[in-house]
Amino acid sequence: MTRIVVLSEHEASKIVKEAAQIAVSAALNEWERLAKEQEINDPLLTKKEAGALLNVSVSTIDNLYNTGKLTGYRIASSVRFKRSELLEYIEQNQIE
C-alpha cells in the first residue's frame, strides 16, 4: 500500500538538511579514518630503499632531494622518504 505524505516546504527542507549533515559527517569520519590508516601504513624509507623503489642509485636520490624534487624527513643525522610521496613522484614524472 502506497501512502502519500504532504510536507510543508520548511519540513521538507529540514529533512533534506538533516540527511545532508548525516551524509557529510559520515564522509568526513571515513576520510579521517583513511587518512590515519595511510599515515600508519606509510613507512619512511632510507635512501637505499627509496632508490630501489624508484630503480635509481642512492646518488640520484641525493640529487633529487638536494634539488627539492623529493621531500625528505630528517631523523637524527639521516634522511628518510615517505613511500607515498615517492610513488606520487613516479606518477607526476611519468612519460606518456
N, C-alpha and C. Protein backbone atom coordinates (compact mmCIF):
# COMPACT_ATOMS: atom_id res chain seq x y z
N MET A 1 0.84 -1.17 0.00
CA MET A 1 0.00 0.00 0.00
C MET A 1 0.89 1.24 0.00
N THR A 2 0.65 2.15 -0.91
CA THR A 2 1.43 3.38 -1.03
C THR A 2 0.70 4.50 -0.32
N ARG A 3 1.50 5.25 0.47
CA ARG A 3 0.91 6.40 1.17
C ARG A 3 1.50 7.67 0.61
N ILE A 4 0.71 8.67 0.52
CA ILE A 4 1.18 9.98 0.09
C ILE A 4 1.27 10.85 1.33
N VAL A 5 2.45 11.42 1.54
CA VAL A 5 2.67 12.28 2.69
C VAL A 5 2.89 13.70 2.19
N VAL A 6 2.21 14.61 2.78
CA VAL A 6 2.33 16.01 2.39
C VAL A 6 3.15 16.73 3.45
N LEU A 7 4.22 17.39 2.99
CA LEU A 7 5.09 18.14 3.90
C LEU A 7 5.12 19.59 3.48
N SER A 8 5.28 20.43 4.46
CA SER A 8 5.46 21.84 4.12
C SER A 8 6.87 22.02 3.57
N GLU A 9 7.10 23.13 2.90
CA GLU A 9 8.43 23.41 2.36
C GLU A 9 9.46 23.44 3.48
N HIS A 10 9.09 24.00 4.61
CA HIS A 10 10.00 24.07 5.76
C HIS A 10 10.36 22.67 6.26
N GLU A 11 9.35 21.79 6.40
CA GLU A 11 9.60 20.43 6.88
C GLU A 11 10.48 19.65 5.90
N ALA A 12 10.19 19.78 4.61
CA ALA A 12 11.00 19.09 3.60
C ALA A 12 12.43 19.59 3.62
N SER A 13 12.59 20.89 3.74
CA SER A 13 13.93 21.49 3.79
C SER A 13 14.69 20.98 5.01
N LYS A 14 14.01 20.90 6.14
CA LYS A 14 14.64 20.42 7.38
C LYS A 14 15.10 18.97 7.22
N ILE A 15 14.27 18.13 6.63
CA ILE A 15 14.62 16.72 6.43
C ILE A 15 15.82 16.58 5.51
N VAL A 16 15.84 17.35 4.43
CA VAL A 16 16.96 17.30 3.49
C VAL A 16 18.25 17.78 4.16
N LYS A 17 18.17 18.87 4.93
CA LYS A 17 19.36 19.38 5.63
C LYS A 17 19.91 18.35 6.61
N GLU A 18 19.02 17.71 7.37
CA GLU A 18 19.47 16.70 8.34
C GLU A 18 20.13 15.52 7.63
N ALA A 19 19.54 15.09 6.53
CA ALA A 19 20.12 13.97 5.77
C ALA A 19 21.48 14.35 5.21
N ALA A 20 21.60 15.58 4.72
CA ALA A 20 22.89 16.04 4.18
C ALA A 20 23.94 16.12 5.28
N GLN A 21 23.56 16.62 6.45
CA GLN A 21 24.50 16.71 7.57
C GLN A 21 24.99 15.32 7.98
N ILE A 22 24.09 14.37 8.01
CA ILE A 22 24.47 13.00 8.37
C ILE A 22 25.43 12.43 7.33
N ALA A 23 25.13 12.64 6.05
CA ALA A 23 25.99 12.12 4.98
C ALA A 23 27.36 12.77 5.00
N VAL A 24 27.42 14.08 5.18
CA VAL A 24 28.70 14.79 5.22
C VAL A 24 29.51 14.35 6.43
N SER A 25 28.86 14.21 7.57
CA SER A 25 29.55 13.76 8.78
C SER A 25 30.14 12.36 8.59
N ALA A 26 29.38 11.47 8.00
CA ALA A 26 29.87 10.11 7.74
C ALA A 26 31.04 10.13 6.77
N ALA A 27 30.96 10.96 5.74
CA ALA A 27 32.06 11.06 4.77
C ALA A 27 33.32 11.61 5.42
N LEU A 28 33.18 12.63 6.26
CA LEU A 28 34.34 13.19 6.95
C LEU A 28 34.97 12.18 7.90
N ASN A 29 34.15 11.43 8.61
CA ASN A 29 34.68 10.40 9.51
C ASN A 29 35.45 9.35 8.73
N GLU A 30 34.92 8.94 7.59
CA GLU A 30 35.60 7.94 6.76
C GLU A 30 36.90 8.51 6.21
N TRP A 31 36.87 9.76 5.78
CA TRP A 31 38.08 10.40 5.27
C TRP A 31 39.16 10.47 6.35
N GLU A 32 38.79 10.84 7.56
CA GLU A 32 39.75 10.91 8.67
C GLU A 32 40.31 9.53 8.98
N ARG A 33 39.45 8.51 8.95
CA ARG A 33 39.90 7.14 9.22
C ARG A 33 40.91 6.70 8.17
N LEU A 34 40.62 6.96 6.91
CA LEU A 34 41.53 6.58 5.83
C LEU A 34 42.84 7.35 5.91
N ALA A 35 42.77 8.62 6.28
CA ALA A 35 43.99 9.43 6.42
C ALA A 35 44.88 8.87 7.52
N LYS A 36 44.29 8.50 8.64
CA LYS A 36 45.06 7.92 9.74
C LYS A 36 45.65 6.57 9.34
N GLU A 37 44.85 5.78 8.63
CA GLU A 37 45.32 4.47 8.17
C GLU A 37 46.50 4.62 7.22
N GLN A 38 46.43 5.57 6.32
CA GLN A 38 47.53 5.79 5.38
C GLN A 38 48.76 6.26 6.12
N GLU A 39 48.56 7.13 7.11
CA GLU A 39 49.69 7.63 7.89
C GLU A 39 50.41 6.47 8.58
N ILE A 40 49.64 5.55 9.11
CA ILE A 40 50.20 4.39 9.80
C ILE A 40 50.89 3.47 8.81
N ASN A 41 50.29 3.31 7.63
CA ASN A 41 50.81 2.38 6.62
C ASN A 41 51.74 3.03 5.62
N ASP A 42 52.24 4.22 5.92
CA ASP A 42 53.11 4.95 5.00
C ASP A 42 54.51 4.99 5.60
N PRO A 43 55.28 3.93 5.39
CA PRO A 43 56.59 3.85 6.03
C PRO A 43 57.58 4.87 5.48
N LEU A 44 58.52 5.23 6.31
CA LEU A 44 59.63 6.08 5.89
C LEU A 44 60.74 5.17 5.38
N LEU A 45 61.25 5.47 4.20
CA LEU A 45 62.27 4.64 3.57
C LEU A 45 63.63 5.32 3.62
N THR A 46 64.66 4.51 3.70
CA THR A 46 66.03 5.03 3.62
C THR A 46 66.33 5.44 2.18
N LYS A 47 67.46 6.08 1.98
CA LYS A 47 67.87 6.46 0.62
C LYS A 47 68.00 5.22 -0.26
N LYS A 48 68.57 4.18 0.31
CA LYS A 48 68.76 2.94 -0.44
C LYS A 48 67.41 2.33 -0.84
N GLU A 49 66.47 2.30 0.11
CA GLU A 49 65.14 1.75 -0.17
C GLU A 49 64.40 2.63 -1.18
N ALA A 50 64.55 3.94 -1.04
CA ALA A 50 63.92 4.87 -1.99
C ALA A 50 64.49 4.65 -3.39
N GLY A 51 65.80 4.48 -3.47
CA GLY A 51 66.43 4.21 -4.76
C GLY A 51 65.93 2.92 -5.38
N ALA A 52 65.77 1.90 -4.55
CA ALA A 52 65.27 0.62 -5.06
C ALA A 52 63.83 0.77 -5.57
N LEU A 53 63.02 1.54 -4.86
CA LEU A 53 61.64 1.75 -5.28
C LEU A 53 61.57 2.49 -6.61
N LEU A 54 62.42 3.50 -6.76
CA LEU A 54 62.43 4.29 -8.00
C LEU A 54 63.33 3.69 -9.07
N ASN A 55 64.07 2.65 -8.70
CA ASN A 55 65.01 1.99 -9.61
C ASN A 55 66.11 2.95 -10.07
N VAL A 56 66.64 3.70 -9.09
CA VAL A 56 67.74 4.63 -9.34
C VAL A 56 68.78 4.46 -8.24
N SER A 57 69.94 5.07 -8.43
CA SER A 57 71.02 4.96 -7.44
C SER A 57 70.76 5.88 -6.25
N VAL A 58 71.50 5.63 -5.18
CA VAL A 58 71.42 6.47 -3.99
C VAL A 58 71.86 7.90 -4.33
N SER A 59 72.86 8.04 -5.20
CA SER A 59 73.30 9.39 -5.57
C SER A 59 72.21 10.14 -6.33
N THR A 60 71.40 9.44 -7.10
CA THR A 60 70.27 10.09 -7.78
C THR A 60 69.23 10.55 -6.76
N ILE A 61 69.00 9.73 -5.76
CA ILE A 61 68.08 10.12 -4.67
C ILE A 61 68.62 11.37 -3.99
N ASP A 62 69.93 11.40 -3.71
CA ASP A 62 70.55 12.59 -3.11
C ASP A 62 70.33 13.82 -4.00
N ASN A 63 70.55 13.67 -5.29
CA ASN A 63 70.37 14.79 -6.22
C ASN A 63 68.91 15.27 -6.24
N LEU A 64 67.97 14.35 -6.29
CA LEU A 64 66.56 14.72 -6.29
C LEU A 64 66.18 15.43 -4.99
N TYR A 65 66.73 14.96 -3.89
CA TYR A 65 66.46 15.58 -2.58
C TYR A 65 67.10 16.97 -2.51
N ASN A 66 68.36 17.07 -2.92
CA ASN A 66 69.09 18.34 -2.84
C ASN A 66 68.52 19.42 -3.76
N THR A 67 67.87 19.01 -4.85
CA THR A 67 67.26 19.98 -5.76
C THR A 67 65.80 20.24 -5.43
N GLY A 68 65.31 19.62 -4.36
CA GLY A 68 63.94 19.87 -3.92
C GLY A 68 62.87 19.09 -4.67
N LYS A 69 63.28 18.14 -5.48
CA LYS A 69 62.31 17.35 -6.23
C LYS A 69 61.69 16.25 -5.37
N LEU A 70 62.40 15.85 -4.33
CA LEU A 70 61.88 14.89 -3.35
C LEU A 70 61.91 15.55 -1.98
N THR A 71 60.87 15.30 -1.20
CA THR A 71 60.82 15.80 0.17
C THR A 71 61.40 14.74 1.09
N GLY A 72 62.34 15.15 1.92
CA GLY A 72 62.95 14.23 2.87
C GLY A 72 62.58 14.62 4.29
N TYR A 73 62.70 13.67 5.19
CA TYR A 73 62.40 13.88 6.60
C TYR A 73 63.63 13.48 7.40
N ARG A 74 64.20 14.46 8.07
CA ARG A 74 65.43 14.23 8.81
C ARG A 74 65.10 13.54 10.14
N ILE A 75 65.79 12.44 10.37
CA ILE A 75 65.72 11.72 11.64
C ILE A 75 67.15 11.58 12.11
N ALA A 76 67.47 12.31 13.17
CA ALA A 76 68.86 12.41 13.65
C ALA A 76 69.72 12.88 12.48
N SER A 77 70.71 12.10 12.08
CA SER A 77 71.60 12.53 11.00
C SER A 77 71.24 11.92 9.65
N SER A 78 70.14 11.17 9.59
CA SER A 78 69.77 10.53 8.33
C SER A 78 68.50 11.16 7.75
N VAL A 79 68.29 10.93 6.48
CA VAL A 79 67.11 11.44 5.79
C VAL A 79 66.26 10.25 5.36
N ARG A 80 64.96 10.38 5.57
CA ARG A 80 64.02 9.33 5.16
C ARG A 80 63.00 9.93 4.20
N PHE A 81 62.35 9.05 3.43
CA PHE A 81 61.39 9.47 2.42
C PHE A 81 60.10 8.68 2.59
N LYS A 82 58.96 9.38 2.50
CA LYS A 82 57.67 8.69 2.60
C LYS A 82 57.42 7.91 1.32
N ARG A 83 57.04 6.67 1.50
CA ARG A 83 56.77 5.80 0.35
C ARG A 83 55.70 6.41 -0.56
N SER A 84 54.64 6.94 0.04
CA SER A 84 53.54 7.52 -0.76
C SER A 84 54.02 8.70 -1.60
N GLU A 85 54.94 9.51 -1.07
CA GLU A 85 55.44 10.65 -1.82
C GLU A 85 56.36 10.21 -2.96
N LEU A 86 57.08 9.12 -2.75
CA LEU A 86 57.91 8.58 -3.83
C LEU A 86 57.03 8.04 -4.97
N LEU A 87 55.95 7.35 -4.61
CA LEU A 87 55.03 6.83 -5.62
C LEU A 87 54.35 7.99 -6.36
N GLU A 88 54.04 9.06 -5.64
CA GLU A 88 53.46 10.25 -6.26
C GLU A 88 54.45 10.88 -7.23
N TYR A 89 55.73 10.89 -6.85
CA TYR A 89 56.77 11.43 -7.73
C TYR A 89 56.83 10.63 -9.03
N ILE A 90 56.72 9.32 -8.92
CA ILE A 90 56.73 8.47 -10.11
C ILE A 90 55.56 8.83 -11.02
N GLU A 91 54.37 8.97 -10.44
CA GLU A 91 53.18 9.31 -11.23
C GLU A 91 53.33 10.66 -11.91
N GLN A 92 53.85 11.65 -11.20
CA GLN A 92 53.96 13.00 -11.74
C GLN A 92 55.01 13.10 -12.84
N ASN A 93 55.97 12.21 -12.84
CA ASN A 93 57.06 12.28 -13.81
C ASN A 93 57.00 11.18 -14.85
N GLN A 94 55.84 10.59 -14.99
CA GLN A 94 55.64 9.53 -15.98
C GLN A 94 55.62 10.13 -17.38
N ILE A 95 56.32 9.50 -18.28
CA ILE A 95 56.34 9.95 -19.68
C ILE A 95 55.20 9.24 -20.41
N GLU A 96 54.42 10.03 -21.12
CA GLU A 96 53.27 9.44 -21.82
C GLU A 96 53.53 9.29 -23.28
